[in-house]
């Protein structure tokens, strides 16, 4: 077991570099903070290469005895070191490094009547995290991000998702790849758009459904506006004409669940 007390230790410097998206992509690694999130990451099949813990904070040492981490390097760090690398407000003393692994469209496992969330780019990691939390709660089949540049392993996305990036099937691909896959699976597409003339609660979501959302600033591009089978919107009765994308997504996801009686 390694013990680190110096902020200038090469391992700690390497952890700090992983805060940058480009370096994460180059190294094929990402970081996870928090016992629950780290456990969800390991349970989802990601390889945890290093598990850091601060004995001055850790109250539950069961994570280190878990067989999922038998091949993981355990590293004890001091409080000043942990405070240097940690990014969450509430801290339990655990921090980990894992190998990036991208899921493909072909790997997605669908239910008999699937529900899929399509995100045409995501402006903020916090929005992605919030959507993933709703997707986990609503038990959707998959979340597809139609922008290969989106960094789904951003620490802020992992943090705001409470680890739900690991409990959902998340795929990054292009618009064309996504549409071809949806067509092949026989999934109906509904584009959330302010230009829509029909409301979301008027639709039949009991059939295979894909809900498509764009960015808050610009909405969906013409690709989805023209190629989705329907455009739908949420009734807005105030002076503001749109909601935060994570809020809109949650409202529609749970309408799908309501129509299906919230069955598995």
C-alpha atoms as a PDB file:
ATOM      1  CA  UNK A   1       0.000   0.000   0.000  1.00  0.00           C
ATOM      2  CA  UNK A   2       1.296   3.451  -0.927  1.00  0.00           C
ATOM      3  CA  UNK A   3       1.099   6.504   1.344  1.00  0.00           C
ATOM      4  CA  UNK A   4       1.283  10.025  -0.085  1.00  0.00           C
ATOM      5  CA  UNK A   5       1.635  13.224   1.930  1.00  0.00           C
ATOM      6  CA  UNK A   6       3.279  15.544  -0.607  1.00  0.00           C
ATOM      7  CA  UNK A   7       1.306  17.775  -2.957  1.00  0.00           C
ATOM      8  CA  UNK A   8       4.199  17.576  -5.426  1.00  0.00           C
ATOM      9  CA  UNK A   9       4.026  13.788  -5.684  1.00  0.00           C
ATOM     10  CA  UNK A  10       3.901  12.710  -9.386  1.00  0.00           C
ATOM     11  CA  UNK A  11       0.683  10.744  -8.837  1.00  0.00           C
ATOM     12  CA  UNK A  12      -1.064  13.779  -7.384  1.00  0.00           C
ATOM     13  CA  UNK A  13       0.152  15.979 -10.232  1.00  0.00           C
ATOM     14  CA  UNK A  14      -1.199  13.380 -12.674  1.00  0.00           C
ATOM     15  CA  UNK A  15      -4.597  13.446 -10.934  1.00  0.00           C
ATOM     16  CA  UNK A  16      -4.802  17.220 -11.218  1.00  0.00           C
ATOM     17  CA  UNK A  17      -4.023  17.021 -14.950  1.00  0.00           C
ATOM     18  CA  UNK A  18      -7.038  14.734 -15.389  1.00  0.00           C
ATOM     19  CA  UNK A  19      -9.259  17.724 -14.594  1.00  0.00           C
ATOM     20  CA  UNK A  20      -8.730  18.753 -18.238  1.00  0.00           C
ATOM     21  CA  UNK A  21     -10.850  17.085 -20.903  1.00  0.00           C
ATOM     22  CA  UNK A  22      -8.020  16.845 -23.420  1.00  0.00           C
ATOM     23  CA  UNK A  23      -5.751  15.095 -20.952  1.00  0.00           C
ATOM     24  CA  UNK A  24      -8.502  12.652 -19.969  1.00  0.00           C
ATOM     25  CA  UNK A  25      -8.950  11.732 -23.617  1.00  0.00           C
ATOM     26  CA  UNK A  26      -5.206  11.430 -24.161  1.00  0.00           C
ATOM     27  CA  UNK A  27      -4.670   9.180 -21.135  1.00  0.00           C
ATOM     28  CA  UNK A  28      -7.929   7.255 -21.466  1.00  0.00           C
ATOM     29  CA  UNK A  29      -8.625   7.851 -17.787  1.00  0.00           C
ATOM     30  CA  UNK A  30     -11.158   9.756 -15.673  1.00  0.00           C
ATOM     31  CA  UNK A  31     -11.659  10.457 -11.983  1.00  0.00           C
ATOM     32  CA  UNK A  32     -14.534   9.646  -9.638  1.00  0.00           C
ATOM     33  CA  UNK A  33     -15.055  11.050  -6.163  1.00  0.00           C
ATOM     34  CA  UNK A  34     -17.274   9.532  -3.486  1.00  0.00           C
ATOM     35  CA  UNK A  35     -17.821   6.005  -2.189  1.00  0.00           C
ATOM     36  CA  UNK A  36     -21.253   5.548  -3.788  1.00  0.00           C
ATOM     37  CA  UNK A  37     -20.148   6.825  -7.197  1.00  0.00           C
ATOM     38  CA  UNK A  38     -16.955   4.740  -7.166  1.00  0.00           C
ATOM     39  CA  UNK A  39     -18.907   1.600  -6.276  1.00  0.00           C
ATOM     40  CA  UNK A  40     -21.453   2.251  -9.060  1.00  0.00           C
ATOM     41  CA  UNK A  41     -18.559   2.749 -11.473  1.00  0.00           C
ATOM     42  CA  UNK A  42     -16.981  -0.585 -10.528  1.00  0.00           C
ATOM     43  CA  UNK A  43     -20.319  -2.411 -10.591  1.00  0.00           C
ATOM     44  CA  UNK A  44     -20.880  -1.109 -14.138  1.00  0.00           C
ATOM     45  CA  UNK A  45     -17.704  -2.869 -15.245  1.00  0.00           C
ATOM     46  CA  UNK A  46     -15.280   0.039 -15.420  1.00  0.00           C
ATOM     47  CA  UNK A  47     -11.721  -0.821 -14.421  1.00  0.00           C
ATOM     48  CA  UNK A  48     -10.686   1.142 -11.333  1.00  0.00           C
ATOM     49  CA  UNK A  49      -6.901   1.495 -11.529  1.00  0.00           C
ATOM     50  CA  UNK A  50      -6.273   3.491  -8.349  1.00  0.00           C
ATOM     51  CA  UNK A  51      -8.326   4.003  -5.195  1.00  0.00           C
ATOM     52  CA  UNK A  52      -7.282   6.916  -2.976  1.00  0.00           C
ATOM     53  CA  UNK A  53      -8.558   7.327   0.557  1.00  0.00           C
ATOM     54  CA  UNK A  54      -8.003   9.768   3.384  1.00  0.00           C
ATOM     55  CA  UNK A  55      -8.120   8.122   6.819  1.00  0.00           C
ATOM     56  CA  UNK A  56      -8.778  11.505   8.431  1.00  0.00           C
ATOM     57  CA  UNK A  57     -12.149  11.621   6.639  1.00  0.00           C
ATOM     58  CA  UNK A  58     -13.123   8.031   5.822  1.00  0.00           C
ATOM     59  CA  UNK A  59     -15.633   6.586   8.276  1.00  0.00           C
ATOM     60  CA  UNK A  60     -16.564   3.432   6.373  1.00  0.00           C
ATOM     61  CA  UNK A  61     -13.640   1.288   5.209  1.00  0.00           C
ATOM     62  CA  UNK A  62     -15.774  -1.411   3.566  1.00  0.00           C
ATOM     63  CA  UNK A  63     -15.025  -0.124   0.066  1.00  0.00           C
ATOM     64  CA  UNK A  64     -11.397  -1.199   0.355  1.00  0.00           C
ATOM     65  CA  UNK A  65     -12.425  -4.728   1.332  1.00  0.00           C
ATOM     66  CA  UNK A  66     -14.836  -5.074  -1.604  1.00  0.00           C
ATOM     67  CA  UNK A  67     -13.746  -7.813  -4.019  1.00  0.00           C
ATOM     68  CA  UNK A  68     -14.422  -5.462  -6.935  1.00  0.00           C
ATOM     69  CA  UNK A  69     -11.233  -3.632  -5.944  1.00  0.00           C
ATOM     70  CA  UNK A  70      -8.961  -6.639  -5.300  1.00  0.00           C
ATOM     71  CA  UNK A  71      -6.776  -5.713  -8.303  1.00  0.00           C
ATOM     72  CA  UNK A  72      -6.899  -1.968  -7.609  1.00  0.00           C
ATOM     73  CA  UNK A  73      -3.921  -0.100  -6.213  1.00  0.00           C
ATOM     74  CA  UNK A  74      -4.830   1.363  -2.804  1.00  0.00           C
ATOM     75  CA  UNK A  75      -3.242   4.690  -1.943  1.00  0.00           C
ATOM     76  CA  UNK A  76      -3.578   6.455   1.401  1.00  0.00           C
ATOM     77  CA  UNK A  77      -3.361  10.257   1.253  1.00  0.00           C
ATOM     78  CA  UNK A  78      -3.268  12.982   3.876  1.00  0.00           C
ATOM     79  CA  UNK A  79      -6.002  15.578   4.360  1.00  0.00           C
ATOM     80  CA  UNK A  80      -4.129  18.417   2.560  1.00  0.00           C
ATOM     81  CA  UNK A  81      -3.595  16.118  -0.437  1.00  0.00           C
ATOM     82  CA  UNK A  82      -7.231  15.041  -0.503  1.00  0.00           C
ATOM     83  CA  UNK A  83      -8.404  18.656  -0.322  1.00  0.00           C
ATOM     84  CA  UNK A  84      -6.162  19.434  -3.297  1.00  0.00           C
ATOM     85  CA  UNK A  85      -7.709  16.805  -5.565  1.00  0.00           C
ATOM     86  CA  UNK A  86     -11.321  16.748  -4.303  1.00  0.00           C
ATOM     87  CA  UNK A  87     -14.023  18.689  -6.121  1.00  0.00           C
ATOM     88  CA  UNK A  88     -17.217  17.822  -4.215  1.00  0.00           C
ATOM     89  CA  UNK A  89     -18.604  19.963  -1.414  1.00  0.00           C
ATOM     90  CA  UNK A  90     -19.625  16.944   0.691  1.00  0.00           C
ATOM     91  CA  UNK A  91     -16.665  14.597   1.002  1.00  0.00           C
ATOM     92  CA  UNK A  92     -16.355  11.049   2.324  1.00  0.00           C
ATOM     93  CA  UNK A  93     -12.611  10.636   1.766  1.00  0.00           C
ATOM     94  CA  UNK A  94     -12.639   8.457  -1.372  1.00  0.00           C
ATOM     95  CA  UNK A  95     -11.246   9.288  -4.808  1.00  0.00           C
ATOM     96  CA  UNK A  96     -10.568   6.949  -7.729  1.00  0.00           C
ATOM     97  CA  UNK A  97      -9.106   6.742 -11.216  1.00  0.00           C
ATOM     98  CA  UNK A  98     -10.838   4.565 -13.826  1.00  0.00           C
ATOM     99  CA  UNK A  99     -10.292   3.648 -17.464  1.00  0.00           C
ATOM    100  CA  UNK A 100     -12.551   5.319 -20.036  1.00  0.00           C
ATOM    101  CA  UNK A 101     -14.795   2.877 -21.880  1.00  0.00           C
ATOM    102  CA  UNK A 102     -17.304   3.995 -24.500  1.00  0.00           C
ATOM    103  CA  UNK A 103     -20.450   1.981 -25.193  1.00  0.00           C
ATOM    104  CA  UNK A 104     -21.626   1.633 -28.803  1.00  0.00           C
ATOM    105  CA  UNK A 105     -25.150   1.706 -30.224  1.00  0.00           C
ATOM    106  CA  UNK A 106     -24.850  -1.988 -30.995  1.00  0.00           C
ATOM    107  CA  UNK A 107     -24.210  -2.774 -27.331  1.00  0.00           C
ATOM    108  CA  UNK A 108     -27.424  -1.141 -26.098  1.00  0.00           C
ATOM    109  CA  UNK A 109     -29.854  -3.648 -24.614  1.00  0.00           C
ATOM    110  CA  UNK A 110     -33.472  -2.623 -25.152  1.00  0.00           C
ATOM    111  CA  UNK A 111     -36.679  -3.612 -23.403  1.00  0.00           C
ATOM    112  CA  UNK A 112     -39.728  -4.733 -25.394  1.00  0.00           C
ATOM    113  CA  UNK A 113     -41.152  -1.200 -25.424  1.00  0.00           C
ATOM    114  CA  UNK A 114     -38.032   0.944 -25.167  1.00  0.00           C
ATOM    115  CA  UNK A 115     -37.731   4.578 -24.126  1.00  0.00           C
ATOM    116  CA  UNK A 116     -34.615   6.387 -25.310  1.00  0.00           C
ATOM    117  CA  UNK A 117     -33.435   9.935 -24.599  1.00  0.00           C
ATOM    118  CA  UNK A 118     -31.589  11.703 -27.425  1.00  0.00           C
ATOM    119  CA  UNK A 119     -29.496  14.763 -26.585  1.00  0.00           C
ATOM    120  CA  UNK A 120     -28.229  16.791 -29.526  1.00  0.00           C
ATOM    121  CA  UNK A 121     -25.142  18.136 -27.787  1.00  0.00           C
ATOM    122  CA  UNK A 122     -25.095  19.165 -24.143  1.00  0.00           C
ATOM    123  CA  UNK A 123     -24.020  22.669 -23.227  1.00  0.00           C
ATOM    124  CA  UNK A 124     -23.295  22.112 -19.542  1.00  0.00           C
ATOM    125  CA  UNK A 125     -22.028  19.027 -17.671  1.00  0.00           C
ATOM    126  CA  UNK A 126     -24.490  19.832 -14.887  1.00  0.00           C
ATOM    127  CA  UNK A 127     -27.413  19.498 -17.303  1.00  0.00           C
ATOM    128  CA  UNK A 128     -26.131  16.145 -18.530  1.00  0.00           C
ATOM    129  CA  UNK A 129     -25.787  14.951 -14.947  1.00  0.00           C
ATOM    130  CA  UNK A 130     -29.302  16.067 -14.039  1.00  0.00           C
ATOM    131  CA  UNK A 131     -30.757  14.342 -17.109  1.00  0.00           C
ATOM    132  CA  UNK A 132     -28.930  11.125 -16.239  1.00  0.00           C
ATOM    133  CA  UNK A 133     -30.397  11.225 -12.721  1.00  0.00           C
ATOM    134  CA  UNK A 134     -33.896  11.584 -14.164  1.00  0.00           C
ATOM    135  CA  UNK A 135     -33.180   8.833 -16.699  1.00  0.00           C
ATOM    136  CA  UNK A 136     -32.172   6.483 -13.891  1.00  0.00           C
ATOM    137  CA  UNK A 137     -35.269   7.358 -11.847  1.00  0.00           C
ATOM    138  CA  UNK A 138     -37.557   6.970 -14.858  1.00  0.00           C
ATOM    139  CA  UNK A 139     -35.854   3.713 -15.892  1.00  0.00           C
ATOM    140  CA  UNK A 140     -35.262   4.659 -19.525  1.00  0.00           C
ATOM    141  CA  UNK A 141     -33.392   2.227 -21.759  1.00  0.00           C
ATOM    142  CA  UNK A 142     -30.582   4.486 -22.904  1.00  0.00           C
ATOM    143  CA  UNK A 143     -29.321   8.051 -23.215  1.00  0.00           C
ATOM    144  CA  UNK A 144     -27.716   8.876 -26.569  1.00  0.00           C
ATOM    145  CA  UNK A 145     -25.618  12.017 -26.924  1.00  0.00           C
ATOM    146  CA  UNK A 146     -25.444  13.070 -30.573  1.00  0.00           C
ATOM    147  CA  UNK A 147     -22.151  14.884 -30.301  1.00  0.00           C
ATOM    148  CA  UNK A 148     -18.906  12.932 -30.215  1.00  0.00           C
ATOM    149  CA  UNK A 149     -17.154  15.954 -28.705  1.00  0.00           C
ATOM    150  CA  UNK A 150     -19.254  15.848 -25.531  1.00  0.00           C
ATOM    151  CA  UNK A 151     -17.124  14.747 -22.582  1.00  0.00           C
ATOM    152  CA  UNK A 152     -19.458  12.415 -20.708  1.00  0.00           C
ATOM    153  CA  UNK A 153     -16.665  11.652 -18.214  1.00  0.00           C
ATOM    154  CA  UNK A 154     -16.417  15.267 -17.072  1.00  0.00           C
ATOM    155  CA  UNK A 155     -16.120  15.230 -13.245  1.00  0.00           C
ATOM    156  CA  UNK A 156     -18.964  17.757 -12.956  1.00  0.00           C
ATOM    157  CA  UNK A 157     -21.264  15.508 -15.008  1.00  0.00           C
ATOM    158  CA  UNK A 158     -20.398  12.510 -12.832  1.00  0.00           C
ATOM    159  CA  UNK A 159     -20.907  14.539  -9.673  1.00  0.00           C
ATOM    160  CA  UNK A 160     -24.234  16.083 -10.682  1.00  0.00           C
ATOM    161  CA  UNK A 161     -25.499  12.699 -11.902  1.00  0.00           C
ATOM    162  CA  UNK A 162     -24.695  11.163  -8.479  1.00  0.00           C
ATOM    163  CA  UNK A 163     -23.037   8.355 -10.394  1.00  0.00           C
ATOM    164  CA  UNK A 164     -26.015   7.732 -12.689  1.00  0.00           C
ATOM    165  CA  UNK A 165     -23.714   7.974 -15.679  1.00  0.00           C
ATOM    166  CA  UNK A 166     -22.788   4.424 -14.620  1.00  0.00           C
ATOM    167  CA  UNK A 167     -26.350   3.171 -14.070  1.00  0.00           C
ATOM    168  CA  UNK A 168     -27.560   4.273 -17.524  1.00  0.00           C
ATOM    169  CA  UNK A 169     -26.595   2.987 -20.951  1.00  0.00           C
ATOM    170  CA  UNK A 170     -24.908   6.118 -22.359  1.00  0.00           C
ATOM    171  CA  UNK A 171     -23.640   6.333 -25.939  1.00  0.00           C
ATOM    172  CA  UNK A 172     -22.027   9.131 -27.953  1.00  0.00           C
ATOM    173  CA  UNK A 173     -22.508   9.117 -31.732  1.00  0.00           C
ATOM    174  CA  UNK A 174     -23.444  11.325 -34.678  1.00  0.00           C
ATOM    175  CA  UNK A 175     -26.979  12.386 -35.619  1.00  0.00           C
ATOM    176  CA  UNK A 176     -26.898  10.158 -38.709  1.00  0.00           C
ATOM    177  CA  UNK A 177     -25.724   7.105 -36.774  1.00  0.00           C
ATOM    178  CA  UNK A 178     -28.394   7.657 -34.148  1.00  0.00           C
ATOM    179  CA  UNK A 179     -31.234   8.065 -36.642  1.00  0.00           C
ATOM    180  CA  UNK A 180     -30.228   4.943 -38.569  1.00  0.00           C
ATOM    181  CA  UNK A 181     -30.140   2.952 -35.329  1.00  0.00           C
ATOM    182  CA  UNK A 182     -33.533   4.269 -34.176  1.00  0.00           C
ATOM    183  CA  UNK A 183     -35.066   3.419 -37.553  1.00  0.00           C
ATOM    184  CA  UNK A 184     -33.603  -0.093 -37.464  1.00  0.00           C
ATOM    185  CA  UNK A 185     -35.039  -0.611 -33.966  1.00  0.00           C
ATOM    186  CA  UNK A 186     -38.489   0.696 -34.955  1.00  0.00           C
ATOM    187  CA  UNK A 187     -38.406   3.474 -32.372  1.00  0.00           C
ATOM    188  CA  UNK A 188     -40.658   6.530 -32.884  1.00  0.00           C
ATOM    189  CA  UNK A 189     -38.978   9.929 -32.569  1.00  0.00           C
ATOM    190  CA  UNK A 190     -40.457  12.997 -30.858  1.00  0.00           C
ATOM    191  CA  UNK A 191     -38.521  16.259 -31.117  1.00  0.00           C
ATOM    192  CA  UNK A 192     -39.003  18.783 -28.299  1.00  0.00           C
ATOM    193  CA  UNK A 193     -39.379  22.134 -30.056  1.00  0.00           C
ATOM    194  CA  UNK A 194     -40.944  25.547 -29.428  1.00  0.00           C
ATOM    195  CA  UNK A 195     -42.257  25.462 -33.002  1.00  0.00           C
ATOM    196  CA  UNK A 196     -44.387  22.387 -32.250  1.00  0.00           C
ATOM    197  CA  UNK A 197     -48.164  22.596 -32.491  1.00  0.00           C
ATOM    198  CA  UNK A 198     -48.843  19.461 -30.406  1.00  0.00           C
ATOM    199  CA  UNK A 199     -48.300  18.972 -26.690  1.00  0.00           C
ATOM    200  CA  UNK A 200     -46.287  16.149 -25.144  1.00  0.00           C
ATOM    201  CA  UNK A 201     -49.163  14.832 -23.026  1.00  0.00           C
ATOM    202  CA  UNK A 202     -51.344  14.332 -26.112  1.00  0.00           C
ATOM    203  CA  UNK A 203     -49.013  11.675 -27.554  1.00  0.00           C
ATOM    204  CA  UNK A 204     -49.150   7.889 -27.315  1.00  0.00           C
ATOM    205  CA  UNK A 205     -45.924   6.999 -25.530  1.00  0.00           C
ATOM    206  CA  UNK A 206     -46.861   3.361 -24.956  1.00  0.00           C
ATOM    207  CA  UNK A 207     -45.088   2.418 -28.177  1.00  0.00           C
ATOM    208  CA  UNK A 208     -41.268   2.457 -28.590  1.00  0.00           C
ATOM    209  CA  UNK A 209     -40.305   6.079 -27.978  1.00  0.00           C
ATOM    210  CA  UNK A 210     -37.312   8.360 -28.416  1.00  0.00           C
ATOM    211  CA  UNK A 211     -37.503  11.859 -26.943  1.00  0.00           C
ATOM    212  CA  UNK A 212     -35.110  14.271 -28.661  1.00  0.00           C
ATOM    213  CA  UNK A 213     -33.804  17.438 -26.975  1.00  0.00           C
ATOM    214  CA  UNK A 214     -31.528  20.240 -28.151  1.00  0.00           C
ATOM    215  CA  UNK A 215     -29.524  22.902 -26.372  1.00  0.00           C
ATOM    216  CA  UNK A 216     -31.144  25.604 -24.255  1.00  0.00           C
ATOM    217  CA  UNK A 217     -29.657  28.374 -26.368  1.00  0.00           C
ATOM    218  CA  UNK A 218     -30.478  27.120 -29.860  1.00  0.00           C
ATOM    219  CA  UNK A 219     -32.791  24.133 -29.461  1.00  0.00           C
ATOM    220  CA  UNK A 220     -32.611  21.341 -32.027  1.00  0.00           C
ATOM    221  CA  UNK A 221     -30.976  21.678 -35.426  1.00  0.00           C
ATOM    222  CA  UNK A 222     -32.920  21.211 -38.644  1.00  0.00           C
ATOM    223  CA  UNK A 223     -31.707  17.614 -38.774  1.00  0.00           C
ATOM    224  CA  UNK A 224     -34.053  16.499 -35.982  1.00  0.00           C
ATOM    225  CA  UNK A 225     -36.734  19.094 -36.614  1.00  0.00           C
ATOM    226  CA  UNK A 226     -37.116  17.751 -40.143  1.00  0.00           C
ATOM    227  CA  UNK A 227     -36.516  14.052 -39.553  1.00  0.00           C
ATOM    228  CA  UNK A 228     -38.295  13.369 -36.273  1.00  0.00           C
ATOM    229  CA  UNK A 229     -41.763  11.922 -36.731  1.00  0.00           C
ATOM    230  CA  UNK A 230     -43.349  14.613 -34.552  1.00  0.00           C
ATOM    231  CA  UNK A 231     -42.513  17.891 -32.857  1.00  0.00           C
ATOM    232  CA  UNK A 232     -43.924  18.292 -29.342  1.00  0.00           C
ATOM    233  CA  UNK A 233     -43.778  20.873 -26.587  1.00  0.00           C
ATOM    234  CA  UNK A 234     -44.696  21.533 -22.960  1.00  0.00           C
ATOM    235  CA  UNK A 235     -47.523  24.039 -22.326  1.00  0.00           C
ATOM    236  CA  UNK A 236     -45.999  27.291 -21.041  1.00  0.00           C
ATOM    237  CA  UNK A 237     -48.484  29.634 -19.394  1.00  0.00           C
ATOM    238  CA  UNK A 238     -46.139  32.325 -18.108  1.00  0.00           C
ATOM    239  CA  UNK A 239     -43.912  34.885 -19.768  1.00  0.00           C
ATOM    240  CA  UNK A 240     -40.987  32.477 -20.251  1.00  0.00           C
ATOM    241  CA  UNK A 241     -41.298  30.217 -23.282  1.00  0.00           C
ATOM    242  CA  UNK A 242     -38.960  27.384 -22.271  1.00  0.00           C
ATOM    243  CA  UNK A 243     -37.617  25.370 -19.345  1.00  0.00           C
ATOM    244  CA  UNK A 244     -34.137  24.187 -18.509  1.00  0.00           C
ATOM    245  CA  UNK A 245     -33.420  21.201 -20.781  1.00  0.00           C
ATOM    246  CA  UNK A 246     -33.013  18.855 -17.797  1.00  0.00           C
ATOM    247  CA  UNK A 247     -36.407  19.963 -16.439  1.00  0.00           C
ATOM    248  CA  UNK A 248     -38.126  19.506 -19.807  1.00  0.00           C
ATOM    249  CA  UNK A 249     -36.525  16.113 -20.220  1.00  0.00           C
ATOM    250  CA  UNK A 250     -37.670  14.957 -16.773  1.00  0.00           C
ATOM    251  CA  UNK A 251     -41.255  16.099 -17.368  1.00  0.00           C
ATOM    252  CA  UNK A 252     -41.542  14.157 -20.614  1.00  0.00           C
ATOM    253  CA  UNK A 253     -39.749  11.065 -19.301  1.00  0.00           C
ATOM    254  CA  UNK A 254     -42.168  10.745 -16.436  1.00  0.00           C
ATOM    255  CA  UNK A 255     -45.144  11.284 -18.727  1.00  0.00           C
ATOM    256  CA  UNK A 256     -43.959   8.205 -20.623  1.00  0.00           C
ATOM    257  CA  UNK A 257     -43.824   6.332 -17.328  1.00  0.00           C
ATOM    258  CA  UNK A 258     -47.264   7.590 -16.289  1.00  0.00           C
ATOM    259  CA  UNK A 259     -48.843   6.399 -19.524  1.00  0.00           C
ATOM    260  CA  UNK A 260     -47.296   2.997 -18.980  1.00  0.00           C
ATOM    261  CA  UNK A 261     -48.473   2.793 -15.390  1.00  0.00           C
ATOM    262  CA  UNK A 262     -44.884   3.073 -14.110  1.00  0.00           C
ATOM    263  CA  UNK A 263     -44.366  -0.614 -14.838  1.00  0.00           C
ATOM    264  CA  UNK A 264     -40.918  -2.133 -15.289  1.00  0.00           C
END
